[in-house]
Amino acid sequence: MKNKFFFSILAVALITIVVSFSSCKEKTGDLKVEVVNALSEPLEGKTVYLYGTESDLNANSYIEKSVTDSDGSTTFYDLEPQTYFVDVEYEFLGVEYYSSTSGTVEEGLITTVILQP
């Protein structure tokens, strides 16, 4: 009898932990960033910087960075819902470009922003 009670309590505790973990995951969103040149062609291998505030962007104090893939995109995963700022620097046809923008991440969604000069 004591063993059944113990295992019942243990099962409820494990279910609670799993449900809590699942609900935490759903409270985040993703930010997909597409980097394209002036001709709207995707740029591979460009480093995109993620900032939590506009002040962080201005101070160049990023919280995460990621490199674009062959489609010119990269995704920052499991972000808390809020407005984030991103930027990238790159050269195209011998000219240096800088581009920045912001995007608001919402719970359970993928927000897409485009960086283009």
C-alpha atoms as a PDB file:
ATOM      1  CA  MET A   1       0.000   0.000   0.000  1.00  0.00           C
ATOM      2  CA  LYS A   2       2.795   2.425   0.892  1.00  0.00           C
ATOM      3  CA  ASN A   3       4.562   1.624  -2.404  1.00  0.00           C
ATOM      4  CA  LYS A   4       1.428   2.406  -4.449  1.00  0.00           C
ATOM      5  CA  PHE A   5       1.012   5.709  -2.639  1.00  0.00           C
ATOM      6  CA  PHE A   6       4.692   6.577  -3.160  1.00  0.00           C
ATOM      7  CA  PHE A   7       4.558   5.772  -6.867  1.00  0.00           C
ATOM      8  CA  SER A   8       1.319   7.744  -7.267  1.00  0.00           C
ATOM      9  CA  ILE A   9       2.957  10.795  -5.690  1.00  0.00           C
ATOM     10  CA  LEU A  10       6.069  10.291  -7.839  1.00  0.00           C
ATOM     11  CA  ALA A  11       3.948  10.019 -11.026  1.00  0.00           C
ATOM     12  CA  VAL A  12       2.054  13.225 -10.212  1.00  0.00           C
ATOM     13  CA  ALA A  13       5.340  15.035  -9.506  1.00  0.00           C
ATOM     14  CA  LEU A  14       6.837  13.899 -12.833  1.00  0.00           C
ATOM     15  CA  ILE A  15       3.722  14.922 -14.768  1.00  0.00           C
ATOM     16  CA  THR A  16       3.830  18.336 -13.082  1.00  0.00           C
ATOM     17  CA  ILE A  17       7.481  18.783 -14.043  1.00  0.00           C
ATOM     18  CA  VAL A  18       6.814  17.803 -17.675  1.00  0.00           C
ATOM     19  CA  VAL A  19       3.809  20.120 -17.944  1.00  0.00           C
ATOM     20  CA  SER A  20       5.784  22.982 -16.389  1.00  0.00           C
ATOM     21  CA  PHE A  21       8.670  22.449 -18.814  1.00  0.00           C
ATOM     22  CA  SER A  22       6.303  22.338 -21.772  1.00  0.00           C
ATOM     23  CA  SER A  23       4.508  25.507 -20.767  1.00  0.00           C
ATOM     24  CA  CYS A  24       7.829  27.344 -20.305  1.00  0.00           C
ATOM     25  CA  LYS A  25       8.815  26.435 -23.847  1.00  0.00           C
ATOM     26  CA  GLU A  26       5.520  27.796 -25.218  1.00  0.00           C
ATOM     27  CA  LYS A  27       6.117  31.176 -23.566  1.00  0.00           C
ATOM     28  CA  THR A  28       8.944  31.974 -25.978  1.00  0.00           C
ATOM     29  CA  GLY A  29       9.119  32.843 -29.643  1.00  0.00           C
ATOM     30  CA  ASP A  30      11.700  32.877 -32.414  1.00  0.00           C
ATOM     31  CA  LEU A  31      13.160  35.712 -34.466  1.00  0.00           C
ATOM     32  CA  LYS A  32      14.124  34.862 -38.046  1.00  0.00           C
ATOM     33  CA  VAL A  33      16.409  37.346 -39.778  1.00  0.00           C
ATOM     34  CA  GLU A  34      16.848  37.448 -43.562  1.00  0.00           C
ATOM     35  CA  VAL A  35      19.842  39.363 -44.903  1.00  0.00           C
ATOM     36  CA  VAL A  36      19.695  40.496 -48.530  1.00  0.00           C
ATOM     37  CA  ASN A  37      21.709  42.898 -50.658  1.00  0.00           C
ATOM     38  CA  ALA A  38      20.419  45.926 -52.586  1.00  0.00           C
ATOM     39  CA  LEU A  39      19.239  43.568 -55.342  1.00  0.00           C
ATOM     40  CA  SER A  40      17.249  41.475 -52.785  1.00  0.00           C
ATOM     41  CA  GLU A  41      19.661  38.550 -53.212  1.00  0.00           C
ATOM     42  CA  PRO A  42      20.286  36.488 -50.049  1.00  0.00           C
ATOM     43  CA  LEU A  43      23.682  36.918 -48.369  1.00  0.00           C
ATOM     44  CA  GLU A  44      25.288  33.786 -46.937  1.00  0.00           C
ATOM     45  CA  GLY A  45      27.891  33.819 -44.162  1.00  0.00           C
ATOM     46  CA  LYS A  46      27.001  37.219 -42.691  1.00  0.00           C
ATOM     47  CA  THR A  47      27.085  37.651 -38.915  1.00  0.00           C
ATOM     48  CA  VAL A  48      23.849  38.994 -37.452  1.00  0.00           C
ATOM     49  CA  TYR A  49      23.888  40.482 -33.949  1.00  0.00           C
ATOM     50  CA  LEU A  50      20.891  40.380 -31.581  1.00  0.00           C
ATOM     51  CA  TYR A  51      20.289  43.122 -29.000  1.00  0.00           C
ATOM     52  CA  GLY A  52      17.752  43.263 -26.184  1.00  0.00           C
ATOM     53  CA  THR A  53      17.212  47.028 -26.325  1.00  0.00           C
ATOM     54  CA  GLU A  54      17.881  49.945 -28.629  1.00  0.00           C
ATOM     55  CA  SER A  55      20.402  51.235 -26.062  1.00  0.00           C
ATOM     56  CA  ASP A  56      22.254  47.918 -26.342  1.00  0.00           C
ATOM     57  CA  LEU A  57      22.257  48.314 -30.136  1.00  0.00           C
ATOM     58  CA  ASN A  58      23.702  51.810 -29.855  1.00  0.00           C
ATOM     59  CA  ALA A  59      26.339  50.572 -27.380  1.00  0.00           C
ATOM     60  CA  ASN A  60      27.103  47.527 -29.581  1.00  0.00           C
ATOM     61  CA  SER A  61      26.377  45.262 -26.596  1.00  0.00           C
ATOM     62  CA  TYR A  62      24.804  42.223 -28.250  1.00  0.00           C
ATOM     63  CA  ILE A  63      23.297  39.253 -26.413  1.00  0.00           C
ATOM     64  CA  GLU A  64      23.731  36.707 -29.173  1.00  0.00           C
ATOM     65  CA  LYS A  65      25.131  36.403 -32.694  1.00  0.00           C
ATOM     66  CA  SER A  66      24.492  33.992 -35.534  1.00  0.00           C
ATOM     67  CA  VAL A  67      25.683  33.479 -39.130  1.00  0.00           C
ATOM     68  CA  THR A  68      23.345  33.396 -42.123  1.00  0.00           C
ATOM     69  CA  ASP A  69      22.900  30.184 -44.090  1.00  0.00           C
ATOM     70  CA  SER A  70      22.781  29.721 -47.878  1.00  0.00           C
ATOM     71  CA  ASP A  71      19.283  31.283 -47.937  1.00  0.00           C
ATOM     72  CA  GLY A  72      20.656  34.406 -46.251  1.00  0.00           C
ATOM     73  CA  SER A  73      18.729  33.701 -43.076  1.00  0.00           C
ATOM     74  CA  THR A  74      19.372  32.807 -39.463  1.00  0.00           C
ATOM     75  CA  THR A  75      17.042  32.276 -36.521  1.00  0.00           C
ATOM     76  CA  PHE A  76      17.355  33.179 -32.864  1.00  0.00           C
ATOM     77  CA  TYR A  77      15.349  30.618 -30.867  1.00  0.00           C
ATOM     78  CA  ASP A  78      13.455  30.608 -27.564  1.00  0.00           C
ATOM     79  CA  LEU A  79      13.401  34.358 -26.994  1.00  0.00           C
ATOM     80  CA  GLU A  80      11.223  35.999 -24.365  1.00  0.00           C
ATOM     81  CA  PRO A  81       8.389  38.049 -25.901  1.00  0.00           C
ATOM     82  CA  GLN A  82       9.599  41.637 -26.402  1.00  0.00           C
ATOM     83  CA  THR A  83      11.037  43.872 -29.109  1.00  0.00           C
ATOM     84  CA  TYR A  84      14.567  42.929 -30.186  1.00  0.00           C
ATOM     85  CA  PHE A  85      17.018  44.767 -32.408  1.00  0.00           C
ATOM     86  CA  VAL A  86      19.332  43.187 -34.982  1.00  0.00           C
ATOM     87  CA  ASP A  87      22.110  44.476 -37.180  1.00  0.00           C
ATOM     88  CA  VAL A  88      24.600  43.321 -39.791  1.00  0.00           C
ATOM     89  CA  GLU A  89      27.574  44.811 -41.632  1.00  0.00           C
ATOM     90  CA  TYR A  90      28.672  43.551 -45.031  1.00  0.00           C
ATOM     91  CA  GLU A  91      30.379  44.502 -48.255  1.00  0.00           C
ATOM     92  CA  PHE A  92      28.642  44.409 -51.616  1.00  0.00           C
ATOM     93  CA  LEU A  93      30.315  45.429 -54.879  1.00  0.00           C
ATOM     94  CA  GLY A  94      33.125  47.068 -52.933  1.00  0.00           C
ATOM     95  CA  VAL A  95      30.834  49.172 -50.760  1.00  0.00           C
ATOM     96  CA  GLU A  96      30.449  48.684 -46.983  1.00  0.00           C
ATOM     97  CA  TYR A  97      26.853  48.456 -45.801  1.00  0.00           C
ATOM     98  CA  TYR A  98      25.287  48.558 -42.344  1.00  0.00           C
ATOM     99  CA  SER A  99      21.678  47.663 -41.709  1.00  0.00           C
ATOM    100  CA  SER A 100      19.614  47.407 -38.539  1.00  0.00           C
ATOM    101  CA  THR A 101      15.971  46.859 -37.683  1.00  0.00           C
ATOM    102  CA  SER A 102      13.743  45.651 -34.897  1.00  0.00           C
ATOM    103  CA  GLY A 103      11.165  42.921 -34.526  1.00  0.00           C
ATOM    104  CA  THR A 104       8.719  42.055 -31.792  1.00  0.00           C
ATOM    105  CA  VAL A 105       8.821  38.420 -30.699  1.00  0.00           C
ATOM    106  CA  GLU A 106       5.472  36.996 -29.633  1.00  0.00           C
ATOM    107  CA  GLU A 107       4.752  33.898 -27.597  1.00  0.00           C
ATOM    108  CA  GLY A 108       4.662  30.733 -29.720  1.00  0.00           C
ATOM    109  CA  LEU A 109       5.346  32.526 -33.022  1.00  0.00           C
ATOM    110  CA  ILE A 110       8.206  33.066 -35.455  1.00  0.00           C
ATOM    111  CA  THR A 111       8.741  36.736 -36.276  1.00  0.00           C
ATOM    112  CA  THR A 112      10.610  37.430 -39.525  1.00  0.00           C
ATOM    113  CA  VAL A 113      12.544  40.640 -40.220  1.00  0.00           C
ATOM    114  CA  ILE A 114      14.584  41.586 -43.283  1.00  0.00           C
ATOM    115  CA  LEU A 115      17.919  43.418 -43.172  1.00  0.00           C
ATOM    116  CA  GLN A 116      18.565  45.260 -46.432  1.00  0.00           C
ATOM    117  CA  PRO A 117      20.412  48.507 -47.202  1.00  0.00           C
END
